[in-house]
Amino acid sequence: MTVRDNKIDILKMAAILCVITIHVTSYGWSLFPAGSFSWVSNMFWASVTRSAVPLFLMCSGALFLDPERELSLKKLYTKYLPRVIAAMLVWAMAYKTSNIISSGNLSAGALWQAIKEVLTFNQEFHLYYTHIIIMAYICLPVVRIITANASKRQLEYCIAIWFVFGILYPTVGSFWPLSLLAAWQRQWMINMTYASIGYMLLGHYVSRVSSLRRRHYAVLLGFGLSFVFFGTWIMCALKGEFYDGFLGGMSVGVAAMATGIYGICPDKKSRIAAWCSKGSFCVYLVHVFFLRLLNAEWLLGSILVPAVSAPLITMAIFLCSLGVYALLSRIPVVNKWLV
C-alpha cells in the first residue's frame, strides 16, 4: 500500500488554488487603470500565486523520481501516459463542443473541425499543461537514471545548468547586454516544455537531497515574491503597458517562490488536503468552465475590489470544480481515465 505524502497533498491543494487565482486575475490587467489600488491588489494576487504550475511539476518530480518507486516503461506507457492523453482529448473536445453550442453554430462540420483541432493540439488554453506533462513523462526514465546515480554535487550541477539556460536566460535575455547577442544564440535557451523537467528534478532535490533550512527557503520565497511583484510593477510603469516577463513559470522570481514554498510547506496530515489533492487534476481540467459560467471577468470588475473579490471568486470556482470531481470520481471508468 502506497503511503500518502502529506506535504505533497498540501502543496497540490495550494497549487490548484493558485492556478484558478491566476486565471481570475488575468482579467484585471485590462479592467483597472494601471497603478490604481484595484490594479495593484489584482497584481498582488496574480504575483503571490504565480508558482502554481512549478509546484505541480516539483510534486511530480518528488513522487516519480523517488528511487524506491517502481516506474517501468510498461507501467509508464500503459498506465500514466494513456490516462493523461485520454483526459486531455476528452476534456479538450468537451470545451470545443461547449464553445460551438454557446456560439449557436452546432453542426456536423463544426464538430469535425473541432475533432481535427483537438487531435492537432489546438485546444483550450489551460490544457497546455497536459502537453507538457506528456513530454515530461516520456523523459522520466532518463531523468530517473540521473537521480538514481548522481551525487549531490552532480545533481546540483544539473540544476545549475537548468537554472541558467531554462530560467535565468529567458528572464533577462531581452535586456541589455544579452539583447545584443545574435538571434541564433537565443537557441541556448531551454524551451518551456523541457525546462519543466528541470522543476521535476528540483522537486526531487528539495525533498530528498537539499540541506537547506526552513529559513533559507523563507528567504527564497520573500525574494521571489518581491522580484515578481515589484519587478512587474516597475516594468509596467517604465514601458507604459502590461509586462509579463517576470510572471511566467520559467522566470527567476517564480522559480525562487516555488522553491521557497516547497521548502517551508509543513508535513502535516490533513484529510481535506488529501481529498483536494486527489481531485486537483480534475479541478484543473474543468475549472475554466466555471471561470466562464460564473462570468469571473464581470465579477472581478463589479464586486468589491480585487483584494477581496479575487480570492472569493477563486474559492467559488474551486468549490464548483470539486463538486464535479465528487460526482465523476464515483463513476467507474471515468474516475480512472478522465479525472
C-alpha atoms as a PDB file:
ATOM      1  CA  MET A   1       0.000   0.000   0.000  1.00  0.00           C
ATOM      2  CA  THR A   2       1.350   3.414  -1.005  1.00  0.00           C
ATOM      3  CA  VAL A   3       1.787   5.832   1.883  1.00  0.00           C
ATOM      4  CA  ARG A   4       0.479   9.298   1.061  1.00  0.00           C
ATOM      5  CA  ASP A   5       2.882  12.212   1.232  1.00  0.00           C
ATOM      6  CA  ASN A   6       1.122  14.775   3.427  1.00  0.00           C
ATOM      7  CA  LYS A   7       3.352  17.623   2.283  1.00  0.00           C
ATOM      8  CA  ILE A   8       2.608  16.969  -1.369  1.00  0.00           C
ATOM      9  CA  ASP A   9      -1.118  16.855  -0.630  1.00  0.00           C
ATOM     10  CA  ILE A  10      -0.933  20.357   0.863  1.00  0.00           C
ATOM     11  CA  LEU A  11       1.218  21.629  -1.989  1.00  0.00           C
ATOM     12  CA  LYS A  12      -1.120  20.278  -4.681  1.00  0.00           C
ATOM     13  CA  MET A  13      -4.147  21.794  -2.960  1.00  0.00           C
ATOM     14  CA  ALA A  14      -2.339  25.143  -2.776  1.00  0.00           C
ATOM     15  CA  ALA A  15      -1.171  24.838  -6.385  1.00  0.00           C
ATOM     16  CA  ILE A  16      -4.645  24.294  -7.833  1.00  0.00           C
ATOM     17  CA  LEU A  17      -5.987  27.281  -5.872  1.00  0.00           C
ATOM     18  CA  CYS A  18      -3.121  29.296  -7.334  1.00  0.00           C
ATOM     19  CA  VAL A  19      -3.959  28.158 -10.872  1.00  0.00           C
ATOM     20  CA  ILE A  20      -7.534  29.384 -10.526  1.00  0.00           C
ATOM     21  CA  THR A  21      -6.414  32.684  -8.993  1.00  0.00           C
ATOM     22  CA  ILE A  22      -4.025  33.300 -11.894  1.00  0.00           C
ATOM     23  CA  HIS A  23      -6.838  32.820 -14.400  1.00  0.00           C
ATOM     24  CA  VAL A  24      -9.232  35.003 -12.408  1.00  0.00           C
ATOM     25  CA  THR A  25      -6.737  37.866 -12.052  1.00  0.00           C
ATOM     26  CA  SER A  26      -5.737  37.669 -15.730  1.00  0.00           C
ATOM     27  CA  TYR A  27      -8.845  39.748 -16.477  1.00  0.00           C
ATOM     28  CA  GLY A  28      -7.697  42.516 -14.152  1.00  0.00           C
ATOM     29  CA  TRP A  29      -4.823  43.780 -16.292  1.00  0.00           C
ATOM     30  CA  SER A  30      -7.255  45.385 -18.740  1.00  0.00           C
ATOM     31  CA  LEU A  31     -10.118  46.078 -16.319  1.00  0.00           C
ATOM     32  CA  PHE A  32      -8.369  48.511 -13.978  1.00  0.00           C
ATOM     33  CA  PRO A  33      -6.253  51.636 -14.582  1.00  0.00           C
ATOM     34  CA  ALA A  34      -2.544  50.893 -14.158  1.00  0.00           C
ATOM     35  CA  GLY A  35      -1.311  51.985 -10.736  1.00  0.00           C
ATOM     36  CA  SER A  36      -4.773  52.147  -9.145  1.00  0.00           C
ATOM     37  CA  PHE A  37      -5.480  50.294  -5.904  1.00  0.00           C
ATOM     38  CA  SER A  38      -7.598  47.743  -7.788  1.00  0.00           C
ATOM     39  CA  TRP A  39      -4.790  47.165 -10.289  1.00  0.00           C
ATOM     40  CA  VAL A  40      -2.146  46.789  -7.578  1.00  0.00           C
ATOM     41  CA  SER A  41      -4.279  44.450  -5.443  1.00  0.00           C
ATOM     42  CA  ASN A  42      -5.069  42.384  -8.530  1.00  0.00           C
ATOM     43  CA  MET A  43      -1.348  42.220  -9.286  1.00  0.00           C
ATOM     44  CA  PHE A  44      -0.611  41.138  -5.730  1.00  0.00           C
ATOM     45  CA  TRP A  45      -2.847  38.057  -6.038  1.00  0.00           C
ATOM     46  CA  ALA A  46      -1.529  37.389  -9.539  1.00  0.00           C
ATOM     47  CA  SER A  47       2.038  37.530  -8.194  1.00  0.00           C
ATOM     48  CA  VAL A  48       1.690  35.581  -4.953  1.00  0.00           C
ATOM     49  CA  THR A  49       0.049  32.652  -6.784  1.00  0.00           C
ATOM     50  CA  ARG A  50       2.445  32.529  -9.729  1.00  0.00           C
ATOM     51  CA  SER A  51       4.257  29.353  -8.688  1.00  0.00           C
ATOM     52  CA  ALA A  52       1.196  27.163  -9.356  1.00  0.00           C
ATOM     53  CA  VAL A  53       2.418  25.014 -12.256  1.00  0.00           C
ATOM     54  CA  PRO A  54       6.038  24.843 -10.998  1.00  0.00           C
ATOM     55  CA  LEU A  55       4.699  23.447  -7.711  1.00  0.00           C
ATOM     56  CA  PHE A  56       2.746  20.761  -9.572  1.00  0.00           C
ATOM     57  CA  LEU A  57       5.882  19.838 -11.503  1.00  0.00           C
ATOM     58  CA  MET A  58       8.008  19.740  -8.359  1.00  0.00           C
ATOM     59  CA  CYS A  59       5.453  17.453  -6.688  1.00  0.00           C
ATOM     60  CA  SER A  60       5.530  15.141  -9.713  1.00  0.00           C
ATOM     61  CA  GLY A  61       9.316  15.069  -9.543  1.00  0.00           C
ATOM     62  CA  ALA A  62       9.324  14.245  -5.841  1.00  0.00           C
ATOM     63  CA  LEU A  63       6.951  11.334  -6.482  1.00  0.00           C
ATOM     64  CA  PHE A  64       8.138   9.899  -9.797  1.00  0.00           C
ATOM     65  CA  LEU A  65      11.868  10.355  -9.196  1.00  0.00           C
ATOM     66  CA  ASP A  66      11.708   8.580  -5.848  1.00  0.00           C
ATOM     67  CA  PRO A  67      14.278   5.768  -6.256  1.00  0.00           C
ATOM     68  CA  GLU A  68      12.093   3.467  -4.154  1.00  0.00           C
ATOM     69  CA  ARG A  69       9.194   3.849  -6.576  1.00  0.00           C
ATOM     70  CA  GLU A  70       8.986   1.396  -9.448  1.00  0.00           C
ATOM     71  CA  LEU A  71       8.388   3.013 -12.840  1.00  0.00           C
ATOM     72  CA  SER A  72       8.872   0.532 -15.658  1.00  0.00           C
ATOM     73  CA  LEU A  73       8.422   1.523 -19.289  1.00  0.00           C
ATOM     74  CA  LYS A  74       5.420  -0.802 -19.419  1.00  0.00           C
ATOM     75  CA  LYS A  75       3.765   0.947 -16.476  1.00  0.00           C
ATOM     76  CA  LEU A  76       4.588   4.357 -17.922  1.00  0.00           C
ATOM     77  CA  TYR A  77       3.106   3.590 -21.336  1.00  0.00           C
ATOM     78  CA  THR A  78       0.119   1.534 -20.223  1.00  0.00           C
ATOM     79  CA  LYS A  79      -0.952   3.466 -17.120  1.00  0.00           C
ATOM     80  CA  TYR A  80       0.335   7.003 -16.666  1.00  0.00           C
ATOM     81  CA  LEU A  81       0.642   8.319 -20.222  1.00  0.00           C
ATOM     82  CA  PRO A  82      -2.664   6.855 -21.507  1.00  0.00           C
ATOM     83  CA  ARG A  83      -4.535   8.420 -18.579  1.00  0.00           C
ATOM     84  CA  VAL A  84      -3.165  11.895 -19.274  1.00  0.00           C
ATOM     85  CA  ILE A  85      -3.780  11.593 -23.017  1.00  0.00           C
ATOM     86  CA  ALA A  86      -7.324  10.275 -22.586  1.00  0.00           C
ATOM     87  CA  ALA A  87      -8.249  13.050 -20.153  1.00  0.00           C
ATOM     88  CA  MET A  88      -6.681  15.688 -22.396  1.00  0.00           C
ATOM     89  CA  LEU A  89      -8.553  14.541 -25.514  1.00  0.00           C
ATOM     90  CA  VAL A  90     -11.945  14.119 -23.851  1.00  0.00           C
ATOM     91  CA  TRP A  91     -11.889  17.433 -21.986  1.00  0.00           C
ATOM     92  CA  ALA A  92     -10.444  19.283 -24.960  1.00  0.00           C
ATOM     93  CA  MET A  93     -13.375  18.034 -27.028  1.00  0.00           C
ATOM     94  CA  ALA A  94     -15.791  18.950 -24.242  1.00  0.00           C
ATOM     95  CA  TYR A  95     -14.553  22.552 -24.347  1.00  0.00           C
ATOM     96  CA  LYS A  96     -14.728  22.658 -28.151  1.00  0.00           C
ATOM     97  CA  THR A  97     -18.294  21.314 -28.110  1.00  0.00           C
ATOM     98  CA  SER A  98     -19.332  23.758 -25.387  1.00  0.00           C
ATOM     99  CA  ASN A  99     -17.929  26.673 -27.382  1.00  0.00           C
ATOM    100  CA  ILE A 100     -19.714  25.528 -30.526  1.00  0.00           C
ATOM    101  CA  ILE A 101     -23.051  25.197 -28.727  1.00  0.00           C
ATOM    102  CA  SER A 102     -22.731  28.567 -26.990  1.00  0.00           C
ATOM    103  CA  SER A 103     -21.994  30.238 -30.329  1.00  0.00           C
ATOM    104  CA  GLY A 104     -25.090  28.681 -31.904  1.00  0.00           C
ATOM    105  CA  ASN A 105     -23.077  27.030 -34.699  1.00  0.00           C
ATOM    106  CA  LEU A 106     -23.649  23.378 -33.849  1.00  0.00           C
ATOM    107  CA  SER A 107     -23.253  21.267 -36.983  1.00  0.00           C
ATOM    108  CA  ALA A 108     -21.511  18.134 -38.210  1.00  0.00           C
ATOM    109  CA  GLY A 109     -18.940  20.297 -39.984  1.00  0.00           C
ATOM    110  CA  ALA A 110     -18.174  22.301 -36.857  1.00  0.00           C
ATOM    111  CA  LEU A 111     -17.801  19.137 -34.773  1.00  0.00           C
ATOM    112  CA  TRP A 112     -15.499  17.574 -37.371  1.00  0.00           C
ATOM    113  CA  GLN A 113     -13.353  20.713 -37.366  1.00  0.00           C
ATOM    114  CA  ALA A 114     -13.265  20.576 -33.565  1.00  0.00           C
ATOM    115  CA  ILE A 115     -12.087  16.958 -33.641  1.00  0.00           C
ATOM    116  CA  LYS A 116      -9.263  17.872 -36.039  1.00  0.00           C
ATOM    117  CA  GLU A 117      -8.207  20.762 -33.818  1.00  0.00           C
ATOM    118  CA  VAL A 118      -8.217  18.578 -30.709  1.00  0.00           C
ATOM    119  CA  LEU A 119      -6.095  15.915 -32.400  1.00  0.00           C
ATOM    120  CA  THR A 120      -3.582  18.529 -33.558  1.00  0.00           C
ATOM    121  CA  PHE A 121      -3.283  20.000 -30.028  1.00  0.00           C
ATOM    122  CA  ASN A 122      -5.191  23.195 -30.858  1.00  0.00           C
ATOM    123  CA  GLN A 123      -7.019  23.012 -27.546  1.00  0.00           C
ATOM    124  CA  GLU A 124      -8.327  25.120 -24.666  1.00  0.00           C
ATOM    125  CA  PHE A 125      -5.592  27.441 -23.390  1.00  0.00           C
ATOM    126  CA  HIS A 126      -5.034  25.833 -19.990  1.00  0.00           C
ATOM    127  CA  LEU A 127      -4.554  22.331 -21.409  1.00  0.00           C
ATOM    128  CA  TYR A 128      -1.001  23.260 -22.377  1.00  0.00           C
ATOM    129  CA  TYR A 129      -0.081  21.712 -19.023  1.00  0.00           C
ATOM    130  CA  THR A 130      -1.176  18.269 -20.225  1.00  0.00           C
ATOM    131  CA  HIS A 131       1.006  18.706 -23.307  1.00  0.00           C
ATOM    132  CA  ILE A 132       3.981  19.442 -21.055  1.00  0.00           C
ATOM    133  CA  ILE A 133       3.207  16.511 -18.762  1.00  0.00           C
ATOM    134  CA  ILE A 134       3.105  14.103 -21.703  1.00  0.00           C
ATOM    135  CA  MET A 135       6.637  15.098 -22.751  1.00  0.00           C
ATOM    136  CA  ALA A 136       7.859  15.177 -19.154  1.00  0.00           C
ATOM    137  CA  TYR A 137       6.557  11.654 -18.552  1.00  0.00           C
ATOM    138  CA  ILE A 138       8.250  10.418 -21.729  1.00  0.00           C
ATOM    139  CA  CYS A 139      11.558  11.751 -20.376  1.00  0.00           C
ATOM    140  CA  LEU A 140      11.114  10.355 -16.852  1.00  0.00           C
ATOM    141  CA  PRO A 141      13.047   7.088 -17.384  1.00  0.00           C
ATOM    142  CA  VAL A 142      16.115   9.070 -18.478  1.00  0.00           C
ATOM    143  CA  VAL A 143      15.814  11.571 -15.617  1.00  0.00           C
ATOM    144  CA  ARG A 144      15.445   8.680 -13.144  1.00  0.00           C
ATOM    145  CA  ILE A 145      18.810   7.335 -14.288  1.00  0.00           C
ATOM    146  CA  ILE A 146      20.363  10.664 -13.339  1.00  0.00           C
ATOM    147  CA  THR A 147      18.700  10.933  -9.925  1.00  0.00           C
ATOM    148  CA  ALA A 148      19.441   7.298  -9.066  1.00  0.00           C
ATOM    149  CA  ASN A 149      23.159   7.540  -9.809  1.00  0.00           C
ATOM    150  CA  ALA A 150      24.249  11.161  -9.435  1.00  0.00           C
ATOM    151  CA  SER A 151      25.966  12.509  -6.348  1.00  0.00           C
ATOM    152  CA  LYS A 152      24.649  15.593  -4.591  1.00  0.00           C
ATOM    153  CA  ARG A 153      27.213  17.753  -6.387  1.00  0.00           C
ATOM    154  CA  GLN A 154      26.296  16.282  -9.758  1.00  0.00           C
ATOM    155  CA  LEU A 155      22.587  16.901  -9.124  1.00  0.00           C
ATOM    156  CA  GLU A 156      23.381  20.482  -8.190  1.00  0.00           C
ATOM    157  CA  TYR A 157      25.338  20.836 -11.430  1.00  0.00           C
ATOM    158  CA  CYS A 158      22.328  19.588 -13.425  1.00  0.00           C
ATOM    159  CA  ILE A 159      20.049  22.023 -11.611  1.00  0.00           C
ATOM    160  CA  ALA A 160      22.526  24.860 -12.220  1.00  0.00           C
ATOM    161  CA  ILE A 161      22.508  24.198 -15.984  1.00  0.00           C
ATOM    162  CA  TRP A 162      18.711  24.115 -15.947  1.00  0.00           C
ATOM    163  CA  PHE A 163      18.542  27.347 -13.956  1.00  0.00           C
ATOM    164  CA  VAL A 164      20.966  29.283 -16.167  1.00  0.00           C
ATOM    165  CA  PHE A 165      19.533  28.243 -19.535  1.00  0.00           C
ATOM    166  CA  GLY A 166      15.931  27.441 -18.621  1.00  0.00           C
ATOM    167  CA  ILE A 167      15.142  30.114 -16.017  1.00  0.00           C
ATOM    168  CA  LEU A 168      17.732  32.936 -15.894  1.00  0.00           C
ATOM    169  CA  TYR A 169      18.300  33.333 -19.629  1.00  0.00           C
ATOM    170  CA  PRO A 170      14.571  33.510 -20.520  1.00  0.00           C
ATOM    171  CA  THR A 171      14.077  36.093 -17.750  1.00  0.00           C
ATOM    172  CA  VAL A 172      16.887  38.504 -18.649  1.00  0.00           C
ATOM    173  CA  GLY A 173      17.652  37.610 -22.267  1.00  0.00           C
ATOM    174  CA  SER A 174      15.664  40.545 -23.644  1.00  0.00           C
ATOM    175  CA  PHE A 175      17.610  43.070 -21.531  1.00  0.00           C
ATOM    176  CA  TRP A 176      20.925  44.731 -22.394  1.00  0.00           C
ATOM    177  CA  PRO A 177      23.620  43.450 -22.901  1.00  0.00           C
ATOM    178  CA  LEU A 178      22.170  39.991 -23.633  1.00  0.00           C
ATOM    179  CA  SER A 179      19.799  41.630 -26.101  1.00  0.00           C
ATOM    180  CA  LEU A 180      22.849  42.369 -28.261  1.00  0.00           C
ATOM    181  CA  LEU A 181      23.537  38.700 -28.874  1.00  0.00           C
ATOM    182  CA  ALA A 182      22.913  37.330 -32.325  1.00  0.00           C
ATOM    183  CA  ALA A 183      19.482  35.812 -32.884  1.00  0.00           C
ATOM    184  CA  TRP A 184      20.774  32.258 -33.229  1.00  0.00           C
ATOM    185  CA  GLN A 185      22.256  32.427 -29.751  1.00  0.00           C
ATOM    186  CA  ARG A 186      18.708  32.531 -28.399  1.00  0.00           C
ATOM    187  CA  GLN A 187      18.797  28.814 -29.102  1.00  0.00           C
ATOM    188  CA  TRP A 188      20.893  28.426 -25.972  1.00  0.00           C
ATOM    189  CA  MET A 189      17.666  28.841 -24.036  1.00  0.00           C
ATOM    190  CA  ILE A 190      15.870  25.677 -22.897  1.00  0.00           C
ATOM    191  CA  ASN A 191      12.274  25.908 -24.074  1.00  0.00           C
ATOM    192  CA  MET A 192       9.377  25.793 -21.653  1.00  0.00           C
ATOM    193  CA  THR A 193       8.500  22.112 -22.042  1.00  0.00           C
ATOM    194  CA  TYR A 194      11.961  20.787 -21.336  1.00  0.00           C
ATOM    195  CA  ALA A 195      12.636  23.429 -18.688  1.00  0.00           C
ATOM    196  CA  SER A 196       9.587  21.980 -16.929  1.00  0.00           C
ATOM    197  CA  ILE A 197      11.531  18.748 -16.461  1.00  0.00           C
ATOM    198  CA  GLY A 198      14.060  20.808 -14.507  1.00  0.00           C
ATOM    199  CA  TYR A 199      11.328  21.619 -11.991  1.00  0.00           C
ATOM    200  CA  MET A 200      10.748  17.894 -11.531  1.00  0.00           C
ATOM    201  CA  LEU A 201      14.453  17.454 -10.840  1.00  0.00           C
ATOM    202  CA  LEU A 202      14.301  20.377  -8.412  1.00  0.00           C
ATOM    203  CA  GLY A 203      11.357  18.788  -6.597  1.00  0.00           C
ATOM    204  CA  HIS A 204      13.369  15.610  -6.106  1.00  0.00           C
ATOM    205  CA  TYR A 205      16.381  17.587  -4.913  1.00  0.00           C
ATOM    206  CA  VAL A 206      14.493  19.711  -2.376  1.00  0.00           C
ATOM    207  CA  SER A 207      12.543  16.756  -0.982  1.00  0.00           C
ATOM    208  CA  ARG A 208      15.425  14.275  -0.708  1.00  0.00           C
ATOM    209  CA  VAL A 209      18.849  15.867  -1.128  1.00  0.00           C
ATOM    210  CA  SER A 210      18.901  19.514  -0.101  1.00  0.00           C
ATOM    211  CA  SER A 211      20.395  20.501   3.247  1.00  0.00           C
ATOM    212  CA  LEU A 212      18.874  23.992   3.276  1.00  0.00           C
ATOM    213  CA  ARG A 213      16.910  25.019   6.358  1.00  0.00           C
ATOM    214  CA  ARG A 214      13.412  26.478   6.510  1.00  0.00           C
ATOM    215  CA  ARG A 215      14.789  29.998   6.969  1.00  0.00           C
ATOM    216  CA  HIS A 216      16.702  29.666   3.704  1.00  0.00           C
ATOM    217  CA  TYR A 217      13.519  28.681   1.895  1.00  0.00           C
ATOM    218  CA  ALA A 218      11.701  31.576   3.545  1.00  0.00           C
ATOM    219  CA  VAL A 219      14.324  33.958   2.132  1.00  0.00           C
ATOM    220  CA  LEU A 220      13.874  32.429  -1.319  1.00  0.00           C
ATOM    221  CA  LEU A 221      10.112  32.885  -1.055  1.00  0.00           C
ATOM    222  CA  GLY A 222      10.458  36.505   0.028  1.00  0.00           C
ATOM    223  CA  PHE A 223      12.955  37.272  -2.725  1.00  0.00           C
ATOM    224  CA  GLY A 224      10.842  35.557  -5.364  1.00  0.00           C
ATOM    225  CA  LEU A 225       7.628  37.328  -4.426  1.00  0.00           C
ATOM    226  CA  SER A 226       9.362  40.715  -4.262  1.00  0.00           C
ATOM    227  CA  PHE A 227      11.014  40.129  -7.639  1.00  0.00           C
ATOM    228  CA  VAL A 228       7.743  39.143  -9.298  1.00  0.00           C
ATOM    229  CA  PHE A 229       5.535  41.808  -7.693  1.00  0.00           C
ATOM    230  CA  PHE A 230       7.789  44.861  -7.715  1.00  0.00           C
ATOM    231  CA  GLY A 231       9.608  43.862 -10.888  1.00  0.00           C
ATOM    232  CA  THR A 232       6.338  43.607 -12.799  1.00  0.00           C
ATOM    233  CA  TRP A 233       5.065  46.881 -11.331  1.00  0.00           C
ATOM    234  CA  ILE A 234       8.269  48.729 -12.257  1.00  0.00           C
ATOM    235  CA  MET A 235       8.411  47.305 -15.786  1.00  0.00           C
ATOM    236  CA  CYS A 236       4.753  48.153 -16.418  1.00  0.00           C
ATOM    237  CA  ALA A 237       5.452  51.731 -15.312  1.00  0.00           C
ATOM    238  CA  LEU A 238       8.599  52.035 -17.440  1.00  0.00           C
ATOM    239  CA  LYS A 239       7.016  50.560 -20.565  1.00  0.00           C
ATOM    240  CA  GLY A 240       3.642  52.198 -20.136  1.00  0.00           C
ATOM    241  CA  GLU A 241       1.954  48.880 -20.869  1.00  0.00           C
ATOM    242  CA  PHE A 242       1.445  45.478 -19.305  1.00  0.00           C
ATOM    243  CA  TYR A 243       4.684  43.491 -18.977  1.00  0.00           C
ATOM    244  CA  ASP A 244       4.513  39.798 -18.098  1.00  0.00           C
ATOM    245  CA  GLY A 245       8.173  38.832 -18.447  1.00  0.00           C
ATOM    246  CA  PHE A 246       8.542  38.240 -14.700  1.00  0.00           C
ATOM    247  CA  LEU A 247       5.234  36.387 -14.277  1.00  0.00           C
ATOM    248  CA  GLY A 248       5.968  33.287 -16.346  1.00  0.00           C
ATOM    249  CA  GLY A 249       6.671  29.936 -14.745  1.00  0.00           C
ATOM    250  CA  MET A 250      10.156  29.912 -16.282  1.00  0.00           C
ATOM    251  CA  SER A 251      11.328  33.131 -14.634  1.00  0.00           C
ATOM    252  CA  VAL A 252      13.742  33.767 -11.771  1.00  0.00           C
ATOM    253  CA  GLY A 253      11.231  35.132  -9.272  1.00  0.00           C
ATOM    254  CA  VAL A 254       8.676  32.392  -9.835  1.00  0.00           C
ATOM    255  CA  ALA A 255      11.348  29.675  -9.549  1.00  0.00           C
ATOM    256  CA  ALA A 256      12.521  31.164  -6.250  1.00  0.00           C
ATOM    257  CA  MET A 257       8.936  31.369  -4.974  1.00  0.00           C
ATOM    258  CA  ALA A 258       8.182  27.761  -5.899  1.00  0.00           C
ATOM    259  CA  THR A 259      11.362  26.530  -4.215  1.00  0.00           C
ATOM    260  CA  GLY A 260      10.640  28.561  -1.098  1.00  0.00           C
ATOM    261  CA  ILE A 261       7.038  27.399  -0.815  1.00  0.00           C
ATOM    262  CA  TYR A 262       8.036  23.779  -1.319  1.00  0.00           C
ATOM    263  CA  GLY A 263      10.766  24.063   1.303  1.00  0.00           C
ATOM    264  CA  ILE A 264       8.659  25.682   4.035  1.00  0.00           C
ATOM    265  CA  CYS A 265       5.478  23.666   3.471  1.00  0.00           C
ATOM    266  CA  PRO A 266       4.694  21.625   6.619  1.00  0.00           C
ATOM    267  CA  ASP A 267       4.467  17.850   6.545  1.00  0.00           C
ATOM    268  CA  LYS A 268       1.105  17.740   8.280  1.00  0.00           C
ATOM    269  CA  LYS A 269      -1.671  15.228   7.727  1.00  0.00           C
ATOM    270  CA  SER A 270      -4.930  16.725   6.503  1.00  0.00           C
ATOM    271  CA  ARG A 271      -7.916  14.773   5.209  1.00  0.00           C
ATOM    272  CA  ILE A 272      -9.177  17.853   3.385  1.00  0.00           C
ATOM    273  CA  ALA A 273      -5.819  18.425   1.698  1.00  0.00           C
ATOM    274  CA  ALA A 274      -5.587  14.736   0.766  1.00  0.00           C
ATOM    275  CA  TRP A 275      -9.010  14.782  -0.895  1.00  0.00           C
ATOM    276  CA  CYS A 276      -8.354  18.072  -2.679  1.00  0.00           C
ATOM    277  CA  SER A 277      -5.016  16.704  -3.833  1.00  0.00           C
ATOM    278  CA  LYS A 278      -6.719  13.678  -5.367  1.00  0.00           C
ATOM    279  CA  GLY A 279      -9.157  15.963  -7.141  1.00  0.00           C
ATOM    280  CA  SER A 280      -6.617  18.573  -8.245  1.00  0.00           C
ATOM    281  CA  PHE A 281      -6.227  17.191 -11.786  1.00  0.00           C
ATOM    282  CA  CYS A 282      -9.985  17.169 -12.284  1.00  0.00           C
ATOM    283  CA  VAL A 283     -10.246  20.708 -10.928  1.00  0.00           C
ATOM    284  CA  TYR A 284      -7.509  21.788 -13.332  1.00  0.00           C
ATOM    285  CA  LEU A 285      -9.367  20.248 -16.246  1.00  0.00           C
ATOM    286  CA  VAL A 286     -12.845  21.640 -15.524  1.00  0.00           C
ATOM    287  CA  HIS A 287     -12.331  24.958 -13.753  1.00  0.00           C
ATOM    288  CA  VAL A 288     -12.351  27.024 -16.964  1.00  0.00           C
ATOM    289  CA  PHE A 289     -15.995  26.005 -17.479  1.00  0.00           C
ATOM    290  CA  PHE A 290     -16.853  27.702 -14.189  1.00  0.00           C
ATOM    291  CA  LEU A 291     -14.495  30.616 -14.900  1.00  0.00           C
ATOM    292  CA  ARG A 292     -16.841  31.440 -17.774  1.00  0.00           C
ATOM    293  CA  LEU A 293     -20.111  30.194 -16.321  1.00  0.00           C
ATOM    294  CA  LEU A 294     -19.729  32.425 -13.265  1.00  0.00           C
ATOM    295  CA  ASN A 295     -18.566  35.282 -15.513  1.00  0.00           C
ATOM    296  CA  ALA A 296     -15.402  35.813 -13.488  1.00  0.00           C
ATOM    297  CA  GLU A 297     -14.381  38.831 -15.578  1.00  0.00           C
ATOM    298  CA  TRP A 298     -17.588  40.697 -14.734  1.00  0.00           C
ATOM    299  CA  LEU A 299     -17.452  39.688 -11.081  1.00  0.00           C
ATOM    300  CA  LEU A 300     -13.839  40.797 -10.714  1.00  0.00           C
ATOM    301  CA  GLY A 301     -14.611  44.243 -12.059  1.00  0.00           C
ATOM    302  CA  SER A 302     -18.018  44.732 -10.446  1.00  0.00           C
ATOM    303  CA  ILE A 303     -17.987  43.429  -6.867  1.00  0.00           C
ATOM    304  CA  LEU A 304     -15.773  44.940  -4.186  1.00  0.00           C
ATOM    305  CA  VAL A 305     -12.094  45.288  -5.165  1.00  0.00           C
ATOM    306  CA  PRO A 306      -9.744  42.512  -6.358  1.00  0.00           C
ATOM    307  CA  ALA A 307      -8.100  42.405  -2.939  1.00  0.00           C
ATOM    308  CA  VAL A 308     -11.330  40.735  -1.765  1.00  0.00           C
ATOM    309  CA  SER A 309     -13.155  39.675  -4.930  1.00  0.00           C
ATOM    310  CA  ALA A 310     -10.280  37.693  -6.473  1.00  0.00           C
ATOM    311  CA  PRO A 311      -9.997  35.152  -3.616  1.00  0.00           C
ATOM    312  CA  LEU A 312     -13.800  34.959  -3.295  1.00  0.00           C
ATOM    313  CA  ILE A 313     -14.238  34.177  -6.997  1.00  0.00           C
ATOM    314  CA  THR A 314     -11.359  31.705  -6.819  1.00  0.00           C
ATOM    315  CA  MET A 315     -12.973  29.858  -3.933  1.00  0.00           C
ATOM    316  CA  ALA A 316     -16.352  29.720  -5.698  1.00  0.00           C
ATOM    317  CA  ILE A 317     -14.766  28.216  -8.823  1.00  0.00           C
ATOM    318  CA  PHE A 318     -12.715  25.834  -6.710  1.00  0.00           C
ATOM    319  CA  LEU A 319     -15.743  24.513  -4.819  1.00  0.00           C
ATOM    320  CA  CYS A 320     -17.798  24.123  -8.002  1.00  0.00           C
ATOM    321  CA  SER A 321     -14.947  22.226  -9.647  1.00  0.00           C
ATOM    322  CA  LEU A 322     -14.532  19.999  -6.600  1.00  0.00           C
ATOM    323  CA  GLY A 323     -18.249  19.256  -6.861  1.00  0.00           C
ATOM    324  CA  VAL A 324     -17.645  17.919 -10.369  1.00  0.00           C
ATOM    325  CA  TYR A 325     -14.813  15.769  -9.032  1.00  0.00           C
ATOM    326  CA  ALA A 326     -17.032  14.434  -6.228  1.00  0.00           C
ATOM    327  CA  LEU A 327     -19.537  13.331  -8.858  1.00  0.00           C
ATOM    328  CA  LEU A 328     -17.186  11.981 -11.522  1.00  0.00           C
ATOM    329  CA  SER A 329     -14.966  10.156  -9.028  1.00  0.00           C
ATOM    330  CA  ARG A 330     -17.912   7.849  -8.287  1.00  0.00           C
ATOM    331  CA  ILE A 331     -18.399   6.804 -11.913  1.00  0.00           C
ATOM    332  CA  PRO A 332     -16.464   3.680 -12.977  1.00  0.00           C
ATOM    333  CA  VAL A 333     -14.035   4.115 -15.897  1.00  0.00           C
ATOM    334  CA  VAL A 334     -14.488   7.895 -15.740  1.00  0.00           C
ATOM    335  CA  ASN A 335     -12.818   8.025 -12.310  1.00  0.00           C
ATOM    336  CA  LYS A 336      -9.818   6.131 -13.698  1.00  0.00           C
ATOM    337  CA  TRP A 337      -9.337   7.781 -17.078  1.00  0.00           C
ATOM    338  CA  LEU A 338     -10.788  11.277 -17.024  1.00  0.00           C
ATOM    339  CA  VAL A 339     -10.188  12.779 -13.577  1.00  0.00           C
END
